[in-house]
């Protein structure tokens, strides 16, 4: 089966359109994937900041509790010395 020149050009045009469509969809998927990864990275950084803030909060609380316990021990020691 032979194609006329017009049919050959039409077939080439269709193939070209298919290749361009494939390239476009690939580029679109890559951009979408990059965008998702950036969002994940941003969310991870935000969560890391929250964790650091919580760690600092707990460290401060622990330090405060230790200070209170130390002060109570000193008060008990002074009370024993005074008695």
PDB file of N, CA and C in Angstrom:
ATOM      1  N   UNK A   1       0.846  -1.169   0.000  1.00  0.00           N
ATOM      2  CA  UNK A   1       0.000   0.000   0.000  1.00  0.00           C
ATOM      3  C   UNK A   1       0.895   1.236   0.000  1.00  0.00           C
ATOM      4  N   UNK A   2       0.657   2.079  -0.946  1.00  0.00           N
ATOM      5  CA  UNK A   2       1.434   3.299  -1.070  1.00  0.00           C
ATOM      6  C   UNK A   2       0.572   4.485  -0.672  1.00  0.00           C
ATOM      7  N   UNK A   3       1.231   5.478  -0.073  1.00  0.00           N
ATOM      8  CA  UNK A   3       0.522   6.685   0.337  1.00  0.00           C
ATOM      9  C   UNK A   3       0.843   7.811  -0.633  1.00  0.00           C
ATOM     10  N   UNK A   4      -0.118   8.670  -0.800  1.00  0.00           N
ATOM     11  CA  UNK A   4       0.146   9.840  -1.624  1.00  0.00           C
ATOM     12  C   UNK A   4       1.006  10.796  -0.825  1.00  0.00           C
ATOM     13  N   UNK A   5       1.535  11.782  -1.505  1.00  0.00           N
ATOM     14  CA  UNK A   5       2.400  12.744  -0.829  1.00  0.00           C
ATOM     15  C   UNK A   5       1.641  13.471   0.278  1.00  0.00           C
ATOM     16  N   UNK A   6       0.403  13.810   0.039  1.00  0.00           N
ATOM     17  CA  UNK A   6      -0.415  14.496   1.047  1.00  0.00           C
ATOM     18  C   UNK A   6      -0.631  13.596   2.261  1.00  0.00           C
ATOM     19  N   UNK A   7      -0.882  12.329   2.027  1.00  0.00           N
ATOM     20  CA  UNK A   7      -1.083  11.393   3.133  1.00  0.00           C
ATOM     21  C   UNK A   7       0.206  11.206   3.933  1.00  0.00           C
ATOM     22  N   UNK A   8       1.340  11.191   3.248  1.00  0.00           N
ATOM     23  CA  UNK A   8       2.619  11.080   3.947  1.00  0.00           C
ATOM     24  C   UNK A   8       2.845  12.290   4.848  1.00  0.00           C
ATOM     25  N   UNK A   9       2.603  13.480   4.313  1.00  0.00           N
ATOM     26  CA  UNK A   9       2.768  14.686   5.120  1.00  0.00           C
ATOM     27  C   UNK A   9       1.800  14.692   6.294  1.00  0.00           C
ATOM     28  N   UNK A  10       0.591  14.223   6.056  1.00  0.00           N
ATOM     29  CA  UNK A  10      -0.398  14.156   7.131  1.00  0.00           C
ATOM     30  C   UNK A  10       0.063  13.176   8.209  1.00  0.00           C
ATOM     31  N   UNK A  11       0.608  12.031   7.813  1.00  0.00           N
ATOM     32  CA  UNK A  11       1.112  11.041   8.775  1.00  0.00           C
ATOM     33  C   UNK A  11       2.294  11.611   9.558  1.00  0.00           C
ATOM     34  N   UNK A  12       3.179  12.328   8.869  1.00  0.00           N
ATOM     35  CA  UNK A  12       4.316  12.954   9.549  1.00  0.00           C
ATOM     36  C   UNK A  12       3.824  13.992  10.544  1.00  0.00           C
ATOM     37  N   UNK A  13       2.828  14.774  10.135  1.00  0.00           N
ATOM     38  CA  UNK A  13       2.257  15.790  11.024  1.00  0.00           C
ATOM     39  C   UNK A  13       1.641  15.147  12.266  1.00  0.00           C
ATOM     40  N   UNK A  14       0.913  14.056  12.086  1.00  0.00           N
ATOM     41  CA  UNK A  14       0.301  13.344  13.218  1.00  0.00           C
ATOM     42  C   UNK A  14       1.390  12.812  14.145  1.00  0.00           C
ATOM     43  N   UNK A  15       2.436  12.237  13.586  1.00  0.00           N
ATOM     44  CA  UNK A  15       3.547  11.734  14.414  1.00  0.00           C
ATOM     45  C   UNK A  15       4.202  12.873  15.181  1.00  0.00           C
ATOM     46  N   UNK A  16       4.402  13.993  14.510  1.00  0.00           N
ATOM     47  CA  UNK A  16       4.990  15.163  15.155  1.00  0.00           C
ATOM     48  C   UNK A  16       4.103  15.636  16.307  1.00  0.00           C
ATOM     49  N   UNK A  17       2.790  15.669  16.086  1.00  0.00           N
ATOM     50  CA  UNK A  17       1.854  16.081  17.146  1.00  0.00           C
ATOM     51  C   UNK A  17       1.911  15.126  18.333  1.00  0.00           C
ATOM     52  N   UNK A  18       2.014  13.845  18.058  1.00  0.00           N
ATOM     53  CA  UNK A  18       2.100  12.856  19.133  1.00  0.00           C
ATOM     54  C   UNK A  18       3.378  13.067  19.942  1.00  0.00           C
ATOM     55  N   UNK A  19       4.502  13.294  19.268  1.00  0.00           N
ATOM     56  CA  UNK A  19       5.775  13.518  19.957  1.00  0.00           C
ATOM     57  C   UNK A  19       5.712  14.795  20.786  1.00  0.00           C
ATOM     58  N   UNK A  20       5.160  15.871  20.210  1.00  0.00           N
ATOM     59  CA  UNK A  20       5.038  17.131  20.943  1.00  0.00           C
ATOM     60  C   UNK A  20       4.133  16.945  22.163  1.00  0.00           C
ATOM     61  N   UNK A  21       3.034  16.224  21.999  1.00  0.00           N
ATOM     62  CA  UNK A  21       2.136  15.950  23.125  1.00  0.00           C
ATOM     63  C   UNK A  21       2.830  15.159  24.218  1.00  0.00           C
ATOM     64  N   UNK A  22       3.615  14.178  23.827  1.00  0.00           N
ATOM     65  CA  UNK A  22       4.360  13.385  24.801  1.00  0.00           C
ATOM     66  C   UNK A  22       5.363  14.256  25.547  1.00  0.00           C
ATOM     67  N   UNK A  23       6.090  15.097  24.812  1.00  0.00           N
ATOM     68  CA  UNK A  23       7.066  15.991  25.451  1.00  0.00           C
ATOM     69  C   UNK A  23       6.360  16.946  26.401  1.00  0.00           C
ATOM     70  N   UNK A  24       5.233  17.507  25.965  1.00  0.00           N
ATOM     71  CA  UNK A  24       4.479  18.439  26.814  1.00  0.00           C
ATOM     72  C   UNK A  24       4.011  17.754  28.097  1.00  0.00           C
ATOM     73  N   UNK A  25       3.450  16.556  27.972  1.00  0.00           N
ATOM     74  CA  UNK A  25       2.957  15.867  29.172  1.00  0.00           C
ATOM     75  C   UNK A  25       4.106  15.496  30.104  1.00  0.00           C
ATOM     76  N   UNK A  26       5.245  15.132  29.545  1.00  0.00           N
ATOM     77  CA  UNK A  26       6.412  14.814  30.368  1.00  0.00           C
ATOM     78  C   UNK A  26       6.892  16.043  31.125  1.00  0.00           C
ATOM     79  N   UNK A  27       6.997  17.174  30.429  1.00  0.00           N
ATOM     80  CA  UNK A  27       7.424  18.415  31.087  1.00  0.00           C
ATOM     81  C   UNK A  27       6.427  18.812  32.161  1.00  0.00           C
ATOM     82  N   UNK A  28       5.137  18.671  31.871  1.00  0.00           N
ATOM     83  CA  UNK A  28       4.099  19.007  32.854  1.00  0.00           C
ATOM     84  C   UNK A  28       4.221  18.120  34.098  1.00  0.00           C
ATOM     85  N   UNK A  29       4.441  16.830  33.894  1.00  0.00           N
ATOM     86  CA  UNK A  29       4.599  15.909  35.025  1.00  0.00           C
ATOM     87  C   UNK A  29       5.840  16.238  35.845  1.00  0.00           C
ATOM     88  N   UNK A  30       6.916  16.606  35.177  1.00  0.00           N
ATOM     89  CA  UNK A  30       8.145  16.962  35.887  1.00  0.00           C
ATOM     90  C   UNK A  30       7.924  18.205  36.732  1.00  0.00           C
ATOM     91  N   UNK A  31       7.277  19.231  36.156  1.00  0.00           N
ATOM     92  CA  UNK A  31       6.998  20.457  36.909  1.00  0.00           C
ATOM     93  C   UNK A  31       6.100  20.165  38.108  1.00  0.00           C
ATOM     94  N   UNK A  32       5.103  19.321  37.915  1.00  0.00           N
ATOM     95  CA  UNK A  32       4.196  18.961  39.001  1.00  0.00           C
ATOM     96  C   UNK A  32       4.942  18.231  40.109  1.00  0.00           C
ATOM     97  N   UNK A  33       5.817  17.316  39.736  1.00  0.00           N
ATOM     98  CA  UNK A  33       6.601  16.570  40.718  1.00  0.00           C
ATOM     99  C   UNK A  33       7.528  17.503  41.490  1.00  0.00           C
ATOM    100  N   UNK A  34       8.171  18.428  40.797  1.00  0.00           N
ATOM    101  CA  UNK A  34       9.056  19.388  41.464  1.00  0.00           C
ATOM    102  C   UNK A  34       8.265  20.237  42.444  1.00  0.00           C
ATOM    103  N   UNK A  35       7.081  20.671  42.038  1.00  0.00           N
ATOM    104  CA  UNK A  35       6.235  21.481  42.918  1.00  0.00           C
ATOM    105  C   UNK A  35       5.846  20.702  44.171  1.00  0.00           C
ATOM    106  N   UNK A  36       5.470  19.440  43.998  1.00  0.00           N
ATOM    107  CA  UNK A  36       5.109  18.605  45.147  1.00  0.00           C
ATOM    108  C   UNK A  36       6.296  18.427  46.086  1.00  0.00           C
ATOM    109  N   UNK A  37       7.470  18.203  45.529  1.00  0.00           N
ATOM    110  CA  UNK A  37       8.662  18.017  46.354  1.00  0.00           C
ATOM    111  C   UNK A  37       9.007  19.289  47.121  1.00  0.00           C
ATOM    112  N   UNK A  38       8.830  20.440  46.484  1.00  0.00           N
ATOM    113  CA  UNK A  38       9.078  21.704  47.177  1.00  0.00           C
ATOM    114  C   UNK A  38       8.110  21.874  48.339  1.00  0.00           C
ATOM    115  N   UNK A  39       6.841  21.508  48.128  1.00  0.00           N
ATOM    116  CA  UNK A  39       5.856  21.603  49.204  1.00  0.00           C
ATOM    117  C   UNK A  39       6.209  20.656  50.343  1.00  0.00           C
ATOM    118  N   UNK A  40       6.624  19.441  50.010  1.00  0.00           N
ATOM    119  CA  UNK A  40       7.020  18.485  51.043  1.00  0.00           C
ATOM    120  C   UNK A  40       8.218  19.002  51.825  1.00  0.00           C
ATOM    121  N   UNK A  41       9.190  19.577  51.120  1.00  0.00           N
ATOM    122  CA  UNK A  41      10.381  20.106  51.768  1.00  0.00           C
ATOM    123  C   UNK A  41      10.010  21.255  52.697  1.00  0.00           C
ATOM    124  N   UNK A  42       9.134  22.142  52.229  1.00  0.00           N
ATOM    125  CA  UNK A  42       8.697  23.275  53.048  1.00  0.00           C
ATOM    126  C   UNK A  42       7.963  22.784  54.292  1.00  0.00           C
ATOM    127  N   UNK A  43       7.089  21.793  54.118  1.00  0.00           N
ATOM    128  CA  UNK A  43       6.347  21.243  55.255  1.00  0.00           C
ATOM    129  C   UNK A  43       7.309  20.584  56.243  1.00  0.00           C
ATOM    130  N   UNK A  44       8.297  19.872  55.734  1.00  0.00           N
ATOM    131  CA  UNK A  44       9.279  19.220  56.600  1.00  0.00           C
ATOM    132  C   UNK A  44      10.052  20.251  57.405  1.00  0.00           C
ATOM    133  N   UNK A  45      10.443  21.349  56.763  1.00  0.00           N
ATOM    134  CA  UNK A  45      11.175  22.407  57.471  1.00  0.00           C
ATOM    135  C   UNK A  45      10.302  23.027  58.558  1.00  0.00           C
ATOM    136  N   UNK A  46       9.018  23.250  58.257  1.00  0.00           N
ATOM    137  CA  UNK A  46       8.106  23.807  59.255  1.00  0.00           C
ATOM    138  C   UNK A  46       7.965  22.858  60.444  1.00  0.00           C
ATOM    139  N   UNK A  47       7.848  21.565  60.155  1.00  0.00           N
ATOM    140  CA  UNK A  47       7.727  20.582  61.230  1.00  0.00           C
ATOM    141  C   UNK A  47       9.007  20.517  62.057  1.00  0.00           C
ATOM    142  N   UNK A  48      10.157  20.632  61.409  1.00  0.00           N
ATOM    143  CA  UNK A  48      11.422  20.636  62.142  1.00  0.00           C
ATOM    144  C   UNK A  48      11.502  21.847  63.066  1.00  0.00           C
ATOM    145  N   UNK A  49      11.032  22.992  62.597  1.00  0.00           N
ATOM    146  CA  UNK A  49      11.026  24.195  63.433  1.00  0.00           C
ATOM    147  C   UNK A  49      10.101  24.011  64.635  1.00  0.00           C
ATOM    148  N   UNK A  50       8.953  23.382  64.416  1.00  0.00           N
ATOM    149  CA  UNK A  50       8.029  23.125  65.527  1.00  0.00           C
ATOM    150  C   UNK A  50       8.668  22.195  66.550  1.00  0.00           C
ATOM    151  N   UNK A  51       9.358  21.169  66.062  1.00  0.00           N
ATOM    152  CA  UNK A  51      10.016  20.224  66.965  1.00  0.00           C
ATOM    153  C   UNK A  51      11.111  20.927  67.754  1.00  0.00           C
ATOM    154  N   UNK A  52      11.897  21.782  67.099  1.00  0.00           N
ATOM    155  CA  UNK A  52      12.943  22.528  67.803  1.00  0.00           C
ATOM    156  C   UNK A  52      12.334  23.427  68.872  1.00  0.00           C
ATOM    157  N   UNK A  53      11.213  24.052  68.532  1.00  0.00           N
ATOM    158  CA  UNK A  53      10.542  24.922  69.496  1.00  0.00           C
ATOM    159  C   UNK A  53      10.044  24.113  70.695  1.00  0.00           C
ATOM    160  N   UNK A  54       9.476  22.934  70.428  1.00  0.00           N
ATOM    161  CA  UNK A  54       9.017  22.074  71.520  1.00  0.00           C
ATOM    162  C   UNK A  54      10.186  21.605  72.381  1.00  0.00           C
ATOM    163  N   UNK A  55      11.290  21.258  71.754  1.00  0.00           N
ATOM    164  CA  UNK A  55      12.466  20.828  72.513  1.00  0.00           C
ATOM    165  C   UNK A  55      12.945  21.955  73.414  1.00  0.00           C
ATOM    166  N   UNK A  56      13.007  23.164  72.874  1.00  0.00           N
ATOM    167  CA  UNK A  56      13.411  24.313  73.692  1.00  0.00           C
ATOM    168  C   UNK A  56      12.429  24.541  74.835  1.00  0.00           C
ATOM    169  N   UNK A  57      11.146  24.383  74.562  1.00  0.00           N
ATOM    170  CA  UNK A  57      10.124  24.544  75.592  1.00  0.00           C
ATOM    171  C   UNK A  57      10.319  23.518  76.703  1.00  0.00           C
ATOM    172  N   UNK A  58      10.511  22.251  76.316  1.00  0.00           N
ATOM    173  CA  UNK A  58      10.696  21.204  77.324  1.00  0.00           C
ATOM    174  C   UNK A  58      12.004  21.391  78.091  1.00  0.00           C
ATOM    175  N   UNK A  59      13.036  21.842  77.417  1.00  0.00           N
ATOM    176  CA  UNK A  59      14.299  22.123  78.108  1.00  0.00           C
ATOM    177  C   UNK A  59      14.114  23.228  79.140  1.00  0.00           C
ATOM    178  N   UNK A  60      13.379  24.262  78.768  1.00  0.00           N
ATOM    179  CA  UNK A  60      13.112  25.359  79.708  1.00  0.00           C
ATOM    180  C   UNK A  60      12.301  24.864  80.897  1.00  0.00           C
ATOM    181  N   UNK A  61      11.290  24.046  80.619  1.00  0.00           N
ATOM    182  CA  UNK A  61      10.464  23.490  81.702  1.00  0.00           C
ATOM    183  C   UNK A  61      11.308  22.621  82.623  1.00  0.00           C
ATOM    184  N   UNK A  62      12.163  21.794  82.047  1.00  0.00           N
ATOM    185  CA  UNK A  62      13.022  20.925  82.845  1.00  0.00           C
ATOM    186  C   UNK A  62      13.956  21.755  83.716  1.00  0.00           C
ATOM    187  N   UNK A  63      14.519  22.793  83.135  1.00  0.00           N
ATOM    188  CA  UNK A  63      15.413  23.668  83.888  1.00  0.00           C
ATOM    189  C   UNK A  63      14.660  24.350  85.032  1.00  0.00           C
ATOM    190  N   UNK A  64      13.453  24.790  84.757  1.00  0.00           N
ATOM    191  CA  UNK A  64      12.639  25.432  85.787  1.00  0.00           C
ATOM    192  C   UNK A  64      12.300  24.448  86.900  1.00  0.00           C
ATOM    193  N   UNK A  65      11.925  23.239  86.536  1.00  0.00           N
ATOM    194  CA  UNK A  65      11.600  22.220  87.541  1.00  0.00           C
ATOM    195  C   UNK A  65      12.833  21.897  88.374  1.00  0.00           C
ATOM    196  N   UNK A  66      13.983  21.756  87.728  1.00  0.00           N
ATOM    197  CA  UNK A  66      15.219  21.475  88.467  1.00  0.00           C
ATOM    198  C   UNK A  66      15.559  22.607  89.422  1.00  0.00           C
ATOM    199  N   UNK A  67      15.326  23.837  89.004  1.00  0.00           N
ATOM    200  CA  UNK A  67      15.577  24.989  89.874  1.00  0.00           C
ATOM    201  C   UNK A  67      14.654  24.953  91.084  1.00  0.00           C
ATOM    202  N   UNK A  68      13.387  24.635  90.859  1.00  0.00           N
ATOM    203  CA  UNK A  68      12.427  24.558  91.966  1.00  0.00           C
ATOM    204  C   UNK A  68      12.817  23.443  92.924  1.00  0.00           C
ATOM    205  N   UNK A  69      13.192  22.288  92.394  1.00  0.00           N
ATOM    206  CA  UNK A  69      13.584  21.158  93.238  1.00  0.00           C
ATOM    207  C   UNK A  69      14.824  21.525  94.052  1.00  0.00           C
ATOM    208  N   UNK A  70      15.786  22.162  93.435  1.00  0.00           N
ATOM    209  CA  UNK A  70      16.998  22.584  94.144  1.00  0.00           C
ATOM    210  C   UNK A  70      16.656  23.578  95.247  1.00  0.00           C
ATOM    211  N   UNK A  71      15.787  24.513  94.945  1.00  0.00           N
ATOM    212  CA  UNK A  71      15.384  25.506  95.949  1.00  0.00           C
ATOM    213  C   UNK A  71      14.662  24.833  97.112  1.00  0.00           C
ATOM    214  N   UNK A  72      13.816  23.861  96.827  1.00  0.00           N
ATOM    215  CA  UNK A  72      13.107  23.147  97.890  1.00  0.00           C
ATOM    216  C   UNK A  72      14.087  22.368  98.766  1.00  0.00           C
ATOM    217  N   UNK A  73      15.083  21.746  98.140  1.00  0.00           N
ATOM    218  CA  UNK A  73      16.084  21.016  98.920  1.00  0.00           C
ATOM    219  C   UNK A  73      16.848  21.956  99.835  1.00  0.00           C
ATOM    220  N   UNK A  74      17.224  23.122  99.315  1.00  0.00           N
ATOM    221  CA  UNK A  74      17.941  24.099 100.132  1.00  0.00           C
ATOM    222  C   UNK A  74      17.074  24.577 101.285  1.00  0.00           C
ATOM    223  N   UNK A  75      15.786  24.776 101.021  1.00  0.00           N
ATOM    224  CA  UNK A  75      14.883  25.223 102.086  1.00  0.00           C
ATOM    225  C   UNK A  75      14.756  24.151 103.159  1.00  0.00           C
ATOM    226  N   UNK A  76      14.694  22.877 102.754  1.00  0.00           N
ATOM    227  CA  UNK A  76      14.606  21.791 103.720  1.00  0.00           C
ATOM    228  C   UNK A  76      15.881  21.719 104.552  1.00  0.00           C
ATOM    229  N   UNK A  77      17.039  21.901 103.899  1.00  0.00           N
ATOM    230  CA  UNK A  77      18.311  21.868 104.616  1.00  0.00           C
ATOM    231  C   UNK A  77      18.395  23.009 105.625  1.00  0.00           C
ATOM    232  N   UNK A  78      17.964  24.195 105.233  1.00  0.00           N
ATOM    233  CA  UNK A  78      17.978  25.335 106.151  1.00  0.00           C
ATOM    234  C   UNK A  78      17.025  25.094 107.313  1.00  0.00           C
ATOM    235  N   UNK A  79      15.887  24.487 107.019  1.00  0.00           N
ATOM    236  CA  UNK A  79      14.902  24.208 108.061  1.00  0.00           C
ATOM    237  C   UNK A  79      15.481  23.213 109.065  1.00  0.00           C
ATOM    238  N   UNK A  80      16.198  22.185 108.552  1.00  0.00           N
ATOM    239  CA  UNK A  80      16.806  21.199 109.440  1.00  0.00           C
ATOM    240  C   UNK A  80      17.899  21.840 110.292  1.00  0.00           C
ATOM    241  N   UNK A  81      18.669  22.753 109.719  1.00  0.00           N
ATOM    242  CA  UNK A  81      19.732  23.422 110.463  1.00  0.00           C
ATOM    243  C   UNK A  81      19.146  24.320 111.546  1.00  0.00           C
ATOM    244  N   UNK A  82      18.049  24.964 111.230  1.00  0.00           N
ATOM    245  CA  UNK A  82      17.416  25.864 112.194  1.00  0.00           C
ATOM    246  C   UNK A  82      16.748  25.092 113.330  1.00  0.00           C
ATOM    247  N   UNK A  83      16.344  23.877 113.089  1.00  0.00           N
ATOM    248  CA  UNK A  83      15.677  23.084 114.139  1.00  0.00           C
ATOM    249  C   UNK A  83      16.675  22.487 115.040  1.00  0.00           C
TER     250      UNK A  83
END
